[in-house]
Amino acid sequence: MLVLSRRIGEKLVIGSDIVVTVLDVRSDGVRVGIDAPSEIRVTRAEILEAIERENAASAAVDDAAADGLRRLPPPPA
């Protein structure tokens, strides 16, 4: 991991087409602006983690629900 010190208004360039600008520094956090091509998806890590948790939870089969589905009569022929 590269660790850099930047001040408000200073920029960091990633590759040739992504620019990260320090917009504000406060005691509780740092605001950054990200300029990137529209085909580059920029997402906060905590949002991706929440989506992954929700997807895993929705994919998990509840045992009681599975038993209930097994007890359903077969569809008419």
PDB file of N, CA and C in Angstrom:
ATOM      1  N   MET A   1       0.848  -1.175   0.000  1.00  0.00           N
ATOM      2  CA  MET A   1       0.000   0.000   0.000  1.00  0.00           C
ATOM      3  C   MET A   1       0.893   1.237   0.000  1.00  0.00           C
ATOM      4  N   LEU A   2       0.593   2.142  -0.872  1.00  0.00           N
ATOM      5  CA  LEU A   2       1.298   3.421  -0.937  1.00  0.00           C
ATOM      6  C   LEU A   2       0.581   4.400  -0.013  1.00  0.00           C
ATOM      7  N   VAL A   3       1.311   5.033   0.886  1.00  0.00           N
ATOM      8  CA  VAL A   3       0.740   6.012   1.808  1.00  0.00           C
ATOM      9  C   VAL A   3       1.338   7.369   1.474  1.00  0.00           C
ATOM     10  N   LEU A   4       0.462   8.344   1.229  1.00  0.00           N
ATOM     11  CA  LEU A   4       0.901   9.687   0.844  1.00  0.00           C
ATOM     12  C   LEU A   4       0.286  10.728   1.765  1.00  0.00           C
ATOM     13  N   SER A   5       0.973  11.827   1.929  1.00  0.00           N
ATOM     14  CA  SER A   5       0.419  12.983   2.624  1.00  0.00           C
ATOM     15  C   SER A   5       0.007  13.997   1.564  1.00  0.00           C
ATOM     16  N   ARG A   6      -1.187  14.521   1.665  1.00  0.00           N
ATOM     17  CA  ARG A   6      -1.697  15.513   0.722  1.00  0.00           C
ATOM     18  C   ARG A   6      -2.403  16.599   1.511  1.00  0.00           C
ATOM     19  N   ARG A   7      -2.452  17.773   0.955  1.00  0.00           N
ATOM     20  CA  ARG A   7      -3.163  18.895   1.560  1.00  0.00           C
ATOM     21  C   ARG A   7      -4.381  19.229   0.719  1.00  0.00           C
ATOM     22  N   ILE A   8      -5.259  20.031   1.278  1.00  0.00           N
ATOM     23  CA  ILE A   8      -6.473  20.424   0.563  1.00  0.00           C
ATOM     24  C   ILE A   8      -6.090  21.026  -0.784  1.00  0.00           C
ATOM     25  N   GLY A   9      -6.752  20.543  -1.827  1.00  0.00           N
ATOM     26  CA  GLY A   9      -6.510  21.025  -3.181  1.00  0.00           C
ATOM     27  C   GLY A   9      -5.462  20.229  -3.934  1.00  0.00           C
ATOM     28  N   GLU A  10      -4.658  19.440  -3.228  1.00  0.00           N
ATOM     29  CA  GLU A  10      -3.645  18.640  -3.908  1.00  0.00           C
ATOM     30  C   GLU A  10      -4.276  17.398  -4.511  1.00  0.00           C
ATOM     31  N   LYS A  11      -3.638  16.896  -5.554  1.00  0.00           N
ATOM     32  CA  LYS A  11      -4.213  15.795  -6.325  1.00  0.00           C
ATOM     33  C   LYS A  11      -3.272  14.613  -6.372  1.00  0.00           C
ATOM     34  N   LEU A  12      -3.855  13.481  -6.674  1.00  0.00           N
ATOM     35  CA  LEU A  12      -3.131  12.237  -6.877  1.00  0.00           C
ATOM     36  C   LEU A  12      -3.650  11.653  -8.180  1.00  0.00           C
ATOM     37  N   VAL A  13      -2.764  11.274  -9.079  1.00  0.00           N
ATOM     38  CA  VAL A  13      -3.166  10.725 -10.370  1.00  0.00           C
ATOM     39  C   VAL A  13      -2.879   9.227 -10.372  1.00  0.00           C
ATOM     40  N   ILE A  14      -3.885   8.437 -10.738  1.00  0.00           N
ATOM     41  CA  ILE A  14      -3.758   6.985 -10.840  1.00  0.00           C
ATOM     42  C   ILE A  14      -3.874   6.632 -12.313  1.00  0.00           C
ATOM     43  N   GLY A  15      -2.850   5.980 -12.841  1.00  0.00           N
ATOM     44  CA  GLY A  15      -2.835   5.714 -14.275  1.00  0.00           C
ATOM     45  C   GLY A  15      -2.782   7.034 -15.013  1.00  0.00           C
ATOM     46  N   SER A  16      -3.458   7.084 -16.145  1.00  0.00           N
ATOM     47  CA  SER A  16      -3.450   8.331 -16.909  1.00  0.00           C
ATOM     48  C   SER A  16      -4.788   9.046 -16.873  1.00  0.00           C
ATOM     49  N   ASP A  17      -5.810   8.418 -16.270  1.00  0.00           N
ATOM     50  CA  ASP A  17      -7.136   9.023 -16.378  1.00  0.00           C
ATOM     51  C   ASP A  17      -7.954   9.037 -15.092  1.00  0.00           C
ATOM     52  N   ILE A  18      -7.343   8.765 -13.939  1.00  0.00           N
ATOM     53  CA  ILE A  18      -8.058   8.851 -12.667  1.00  0.00           C
ATOM     54  C   ILE A  18      -7.338   9.874 -11.799  1.00  0.00           C
ATOM     55  N   VAL A  19      -8.099  10.878 -11.327  1.00  0.00           N
ATOM     56  CA  VAL A  19      -7.529  11.935 -10.496  1.00  0.00           C
ATOM     57  C   VAL A  19      -8.309  11.992  -9.184  1.00  0.00           C
ATOM     58  N   VAL A  20      -7.585  11.896  -8.076  1.00  0.00           N
ATOM     59  CA  VAL A  20      -8.177  11.994  -6.743  1.00  0.00           C
ATOM     60  C   VAL A  20      -7.722  13.325  -6.151  1.00  0.00           C
ATOM     61  N   THR A  21      -8.694  14.150  -5.732  1.00  0.00           N
ATOM     62  CA  THR A  21      -8.396  15.471  -5.186  1.00  0.00           C
ATOM     63  C   THR A  21      -8.844  15.530  -3.735  1.00  0.00           C
ATOM     64  N   VAL A  22      -7.981  16.035  -2.850  1.00  0.00           N
ATOM     65  CA  VAL A  22      -8.357  16.248  -1.449  1.00  0.00           C
ATOM     66  C   VAL A  22      -9.192  17.525  -1.404  1.00  0.00           C
ATOM     67  N   LEU A  23     -10.459  17.394  -1.003  1.00  0.00           N
ATOM     68  CA  LEU A  23     -11.366  18.536  -0.988  1.00  0.00           C
ATOM     69  C   LEU A  23     -11.445  19.203   0.375  1.00  0.00           C
ATOM     70  N   ASP A  24     -11.407  18.398   1.446  1.00  0.00           N
ATOM     71  CA  ASP A  24     -11.582  18.946   2.785  1.00  0.00           C
ATOM     72  C   ASP A  24     -10.987  17.976   3.793  1.00  0.00           C
ATOM     73  N   VAL A  25     -10.432  18.516   4.863  1.00  0.00           N
ATOM     74  CA  VAL A  25      -9.897  17.702   5.952  1.00  0.00           C
ATOM     75  C   VAL A  25     -10.522  18.210   7.238  1.00  0.00           C
ATOM     76  N   ARG A  26     -11.161  17.301   7.971  1.00  0.00           N
ATOM     77  CA  ARG A  26     -11.790  17.642   9.248  1.00  0.00           C
ATOM     78  C   ARG A  26     -11.316  16.655  10.297  1.00  0.00           C
ATOM     79  N   SER A  27     -11.683  16.914  11.531  1.00  0.00           N
ATOM     80  CA  SER A  27     -11.261  16.013  12.603  1.00  0.00           C
ATOM     81  C   SER A  27     -11.890  14.633  12.472  1.00  0.00           C
ATOM     82  N   ASP A  28     -13.053  14.557  11.827  1.00  0.00           N
ATOM     83  CA  ASP A  28     -13.744  13.268  11.730  1.00  0.00           C
ATOM     84  C   ASP A  28     -13.620  12.611  10.360  1.00  0.00           C
ATOM     85  N   GLY A  29     -12.845  13.179   9.449  1.00  0.00           N
ATOM     86  CA  GLY A  29     -12.695  12.523   8.153  1.00  0.00           C
ATOM     87  C   GLY A  29     -12.107  13.433   7.093  1.00  0.00           C
ATOM     88  N   VAL A  30     -11.921  12.845   5.945  1.00  0.00           N
ATOM     89  CA  VAL A  30     -11.350  13.545   4.792  1.00  0.00           C
ATOM     90  C   VAL A  30     -12.327  13.414   3.632  1.00  0.00           C
ATOM     91  N   ARG A  31     -12.590  14.496   2.928  1.00  0.00           N
ATOM     92  CA  ARG A  31     -13.428  14.449   1.733  1.00  0.00           C
ATOM     93  C   ARG A  31     -12.522  14.442   0.524  1.00  0.00           C
ATOM     94  N   VAL A  32     -12.781  13.497  -0.372  1.00  0.00           N
ATOM     95  CA  VAL A  32     -12.004  13.424  -1.606  1.00  0.00           C
ATOM     96  C   VAL A  32     -12.954  13.467  -2.790  1.00  0.00           C
ATOM     97  N   GLY A  33     -12.465  14.011  -3.872  1.00  0.00           N
ATOM     98  CA  GLY A  33     -13.190  13.986  -5.135  1.00  0.00           C
ATOM     99  C   GLY A  33     -12.451  13.061  -6.078  1.00  0.00           C
ATOM    100  N   ILE A  34     -13.198  12.275  -6.839  1.00  0.00           N
ATOM    101  CA  ILE A  34     -12.580  11.323  -7.757  1.00  0.00           C
ATOM    102  C   ILE A  34     -13.094  11.591  -9.158  1.00  0.00           C
ATOM    103  N   ASP A  35     -12.181  11.920 -10.061  1.00  0.00           N
ATOM    104  CA  ASP A  35     -12.508  12.076 -11.480  1.00  0.00           C
ATOM    105  C   ASP A  35     -12.011  10.830 -12.187  1.00  0.00           C
ATOM    106  N   ALA A  36     -12.953  10.085 -12.773  1.00  0.00           N
ATOM    107  CA  ALA A  36     -12.593   8.851 -13.476  1.00  0.00           C
ATOM    108  C   ALA A  36     -13.512   8.694 -14.680  1.00  0.00           C
ATOM    109  N   PRO A  37     -13.069   7.959 -15.685  1.00  0.00           N
ATOM    110  CA  PRO A  37     -13.935   7.702 -16.838  1.00  0.00           C
ATOM    111  C   PRO A  37     -15.208   6.977 -16.396  1.00  0.00           C
ATOM    112  N   SER A  38     -16.274   7.170 -17.145  1.00  0.00           N
ATOM    113  CA  SER A  38     -17.564   6.582 -16.762  1.00  0.00           C
ATOM    114  C   SER A  38     -17.540   5.060 -16.734  1.00  0.00           C
ATOM    115  N   GLU A  39     -16.625   4.436 -17.466  1.00  0.00           N
ATOM    116  CA  GLU A  39     -16.575   2.969 -17.454  1.00  0.00           C
ATOM    117  C   GLU A  39     -15.859   2.422 -16.218  1.00  0.00           C
ATOM    118  N   ILE A  40     -15.248   3.296 -15.421  1.00  0.00           N
ATOM    119  CA  ILE A  40     -14.604   2.891 -14.171  1.00  0.00           C
ATOM    120  C   ILE A  40     -15.613   3.082 -13.046  1.00  0.00           C
ATOM    121  N   ARG A  41     -15.957   1.988 -12.373  1.00  0.00           N
ATOM    122  CA  ARG A  41     -16.914   2.064 -11.266  1.00  0.00           C
ATOM    123  C   ARG A  41     -16.156   2.434  -9.996  1.00  0.00           C
ATOM    124  N   VAL A  42     -16.622   3.474  -9.318  1.00  0.00           N
ATOM    125  CA  VAL A  42     -16.027   3.913  -8.058  1.00  0.00           C
ATOM    126  C   VAL A  42     -17.083   3.714  -6.984  1.00  0.00           C
ATOM    127  N   THR A  43     -16.782   2.854  -6.013  1.00  0.00           N
ATOM    128  CA  THR A  43     -17.747   2.509  -4.976  1.00  0.00           C
ATOM    129  C   THR A  43     -17.046   2.486  -3.626  1.00  0.00           C
ATOM    130  N   ARG A  44     -17.733   2.961  -2.591  1.00  0.00           N
ATOM    131  CA  ARG A  44     -17.177   2.893  -1.237  1.00  0.00           C
ATOM    132  C   ARG A  44     -17.104   1.435  -0.795  1.00  0.00           C
ATOM    133  N   ALA A  45     -16.028   1.066  -0.129  1.00  0.00           N
ATOM    134  CA  ALA A  45     -15.803  -0.323   0.290  1.00  0.00           C
ATOM    135  C   ALA A  45     -16.921  -0.818   1.196  1.00  0.00           C
ATOM    136  N   GLU A  46     -17.416   0.021   2.104  1.00  0.00           N
ATOM    137  CA  GLU A  46     -18.463  -0.438   3.028  1.00  0.00           C
ATOM    138  C   GLU A  46     -19.765  -0.751   2.296  1.00  0.00           C
ATOM    139  N   ILE A  47     -20.017  -0.093   1.179  1.00  0.00           N
ATOM    140  CA  ILE A  47     -21.207  -0.400   0.381  1.00  0.00           C
ATOM    141  C   ILE A  47     -21.048  -1.764  -0.278  1.00  0.00           C
ATOM    142  N   LEU A  48     -19.884  -2.039  -0.844  1.00  0.00           N
ATOM    143  CA  LEU A  48     -19.639  -3.351  -1.453  1.00  0.00           C
ATOM    144  C   LEU A  48     -19.754  -4.466  -0.426  1.00  0.00           C
ATOM    145  N   GLU A  49     -19.218  -4.236   0.778  1.00  0.00           N
ATOM    146  CA  GLU A  49     -19.294  -5.245   1.837  1.00  0.00           C
ATOM    147  C   GLU A  49     -20.741  -5.500   2.241  1.00  0.00           C
ATOM    148  N   ALA A  50     -21.544  -4.446   2.347  1.00  0.00           N
ATOM    149  CA  ALA A  50     -22.952  -4.606   2.708  1.00  0.00           C
ATOM    150  C   ALA A  50     -23.701  -5.379   1.631  1.00  0.00           C
ATOM    151  N   ILE A  51     -23.418  -5.099   0.375  1.00  0.00           N
ATOM    152  CA  ILE A  51     -24.062  -5.818  -0.730  1.00  0.00           C
ATOM    153  C   ILE A  51     -23.678  -7.289  -0.688  1.00  0.00           C
ATOM    154  N   GLU A  52     -22.405  -7.574  -0.438  1.00  0.00           N
ATOM    155  CA  GLU A  52     -21.958  -8.966  -0.360  1.00  0.00           C
ATOM    156  C   GLU A  52     -22.649  -9.702   0.786  1.00  0.00           C
ATOM    157  N   ARG A  53     -22.799  -9.038   1.950  1.00  0.00           N
ATOM    158  CA  ARG A  53     -23.497  -9.663   3.086  1.00  0.00           C
ATOM    159  C   ARG A  53     -24.953  -9.941   2.740  1.00  0.00           C
ATOM    160  N   GLU A  54     -25.615  -8.977   2.109  1.00  0.00           N
ATOM    161  CA  GLU A  54     -27.021  -9.160   1.736  1.00  0.00           C
ATOM    162  C   GLU A  54     -27.180 -10.281   0.718  1.00  0.00           C
ATOM    163  N   ASN A  55     -26.284 -10.337  -0.256  1.00  0.00           N
ATOM    164  CA  ASN A  55     -26.351 -11.411  -1.253  1.00  0.00           C
ATOM    165  C   ASN A  55     -26.155 -12.770  -0.609  1.00  0.00           C
ATOM    166  N   ALA A  56     -25.209 -12.873   0.320  1.00  0.00           N
ATOM    167  CA  ALA A  56     -24.970 -14.143   1.003  1.00  0.00           C
ATOM    168  C   ALA A  56     -26.181 -14.536   1.837  1.00  0.00           C
ATOM    169  N   ALA A  57     -26.787 -13.565   2.514  1.00  0.00           N
ATOM    170  CA  ALA A  57     -27.956 -13.858   3.342  1.00  0.00           C
ATOM    171  C   ALA A  57     -29.142 -14.282   2.487  1.00  0.00           C
ATOM    172  N   SER A  58     -29.327 -13.653   1.346  1.00  0.00           N
ATOM    173  CA  SER A  58     -30.467 -14.013   0.502  1.00  0.00           C
ATOM    174  C   SER A  58     -30.255 -15.349  -0.191  1.00  0.00           C
ATOM    175  N   ALA A  59     -28.997 -15.748  -0.372  1.00  0.00           N
ATOM    176  CA  ALA A  59     -28.710 -17.028  -1.016  1.00  0.00           C
ATOM    177  C   ALA A  59     -28.799 -18.185  -0.039  1.00  0.00           C
ATOM    178  N   ALA A  60     -28.668 -17.897   1.249  1.00  0.00           N
ATOM    179  CA  ALA A  60     -28.738 -18.960   2.257  1.00  0.00           C
ATOM    180  C   ALA A  60     -30.177 -19.462   2.345  1.00  0.00           C
ATOM    181  N   VAL A  61     -30.322 -20.761   2.380  1.00  0.00           N
ATOM    182  CA  VAL A  61     -31.661 -21.357   2.455  1.00  0.00           C
ATOM    183  C   VAL A  61     -31.980 -21.645   3.907  1.00  0.00           C
ATOM    184  N   ASP A  62     -33.085 -21.119   4.361  1.00  0.00           N
ATOM    185  CA  ASP A  62     -33.565 -21.389   5.706  1.00  0.00           C
ATOM    186  C   ASP A  62     -34.093 -22.821   5.748  1.00  0.00           C
ATOM    187  N   ASP A  63     -33.674 -23.606   6.742  1.00  0.00           N
ATOM    188  CA  ASP A  63     -34.087 -25.010   6.832  1.00  0.00           C
ATOM    189  C   ASP A  63     -35.600 -25.161   6.893  1.00  0.00           C
ATOM    190  N   ALA A  64     -36.269 -24.313   7.660  1.00  0.00           N
ATOM    191  CA  ALA A  64     -37.725 -24.414   7.771  1.00  0.00           C
ATOM    192  C   ALA A  64     -38.388 -24.122   6.431  1.00  0.00           C
ATOM    193  N   ALA A  65     -37.885 -23.139   5.709  1.00  0.00           N
ATOM    194  CA  ALA A  65     -38.457 -22.818   4.401  1.00  0.00           C
ATOM    195  C   ALA A  65     -38.231 -23.963   3.428  1.00  0.00           C
ATOM    196  N   ALA A  66     -37.057 -24.571   3.471  1.00  0.00           N
ATOM    197  CA  ALA A  66     -36.769 -25.702   2.586  1.00  0.00           C
ATOM    198  C   ALA A  66     -37.680 -26.878   2.913  1.00  0.00           C
ATOM    199  N   ASP A  67     -37.912 -27.150   4.202  1.00  0.00           N
ATOM    200  CA  ASP A  67     -38.819 -28.236   4.589  1.00  0.00           C
ATOM    201  C   ASP A  67     -40.235 -27.949   4.107  1.00  0.00           C
ATOM    202  N   GLY A  68     -40.660 -26.698   4.221  1.00  0.00           N
ATOM    203  CA  GLY A  68     -41.994 -26.333   3.755  1.00  0.00           C
ATOM    204  C   GLY A  68     -42.142 -26.548   2.261  1.00  0.00           C
ATOM    205  N   LEU A  69     -41.131 -26.225   1.501  1.00  0.00           N
ATOM    206  CA  LEU A  69     -41.184 -26.443   0.054  1.00  0.00           C
ATOM    207  C   LEU A  69     -41.216 -27.933  -0.282  1.00  0.00           C
ATOM    208  N   ARG A  70     -40.506 -28.734   0.485  1.00  0.00           N
ATOM    209  CA  ARG A  70     -40.497 -30.180   0.231  1.00  0.00           C
ATOM    210  C   ARG A  70     -41.865 -30.804   0.493  1.00  0.00           C
ATOM    211  N   ARG A  71     -42.632 -30.204   1.385  1.00  0.00           N
ATOM    212  CA  ARG A  71     -43.944 -30.768   1.746  1.00  0.00           C
ATOM    213  C   ARG A  71     -45.056 -30.356   0.788  1.00  0.00           C
ATOM    214  N   LEU A  72     -44.783 -29.446  -0.109  1.00  0.00           N
ATOM    215  CA  LEU A  72     -45.809 -29.029  -1.066  1.00  0.00           C
ATOM    216  C   LEU A  72     -46.167 -30.201  -1.974  1.00  0.00           C
ATOM    217  N   PRO A  73     -47.444 -30.311  -2.312  1.00  0.00           N
ATOM    218  CA  PRO A  73     -47.824 -31.390  -3.236  1.00  0.00           C
ATOM    219  C   PRO A  73     -47.233 -31.125  -4.618  1.00  0.00           C
ATOM    220  N   PRO A  74     -46.993 -32.171  -5.382  1.00  0.00           N
ATOM    221  CA  PRO A  74     -46.450 -31.971  -6.724  1.00  0.00           C
ATOM    222  C   PRO A  74     -47.465 -31.240  -7.603  1.00  0.00           C
ATOM    223  N   PRO A  75     -47.013 -30.521  -8.602  1.00  0.00           N
ATOM    224  CA  PRO A  75     -47.938 -29.812  -9.492  1.00  0.00           C
ATOM    225  C   PRO A  75     -48.763 -30.816 -10.290  1.00  0.00           C
ATOM    226  N   PRO A  76     -49.987 -30.425 -10.656  1.00  0.00           N
ATOM    227  CA  PRO A  76     -50.821 -31.335 -11.451  1.00  0.00           C
ATOM    228  C   PRO A  76     -50.170 -31.623 -12.807  1.00  0.00           C
ATOM    229  N   ALA A  77     -50.387 -32.822 -13.275  1.00  0.00           N
ATOM    230  CA  ALA A  77     -49.771 -33.240 -14.543  1.00  0.00           C
ATOM    231  C   ALA A  77     -50.528 -32.741 -15.732  1.00  0.00           C
TER     232      ALA A  77
END
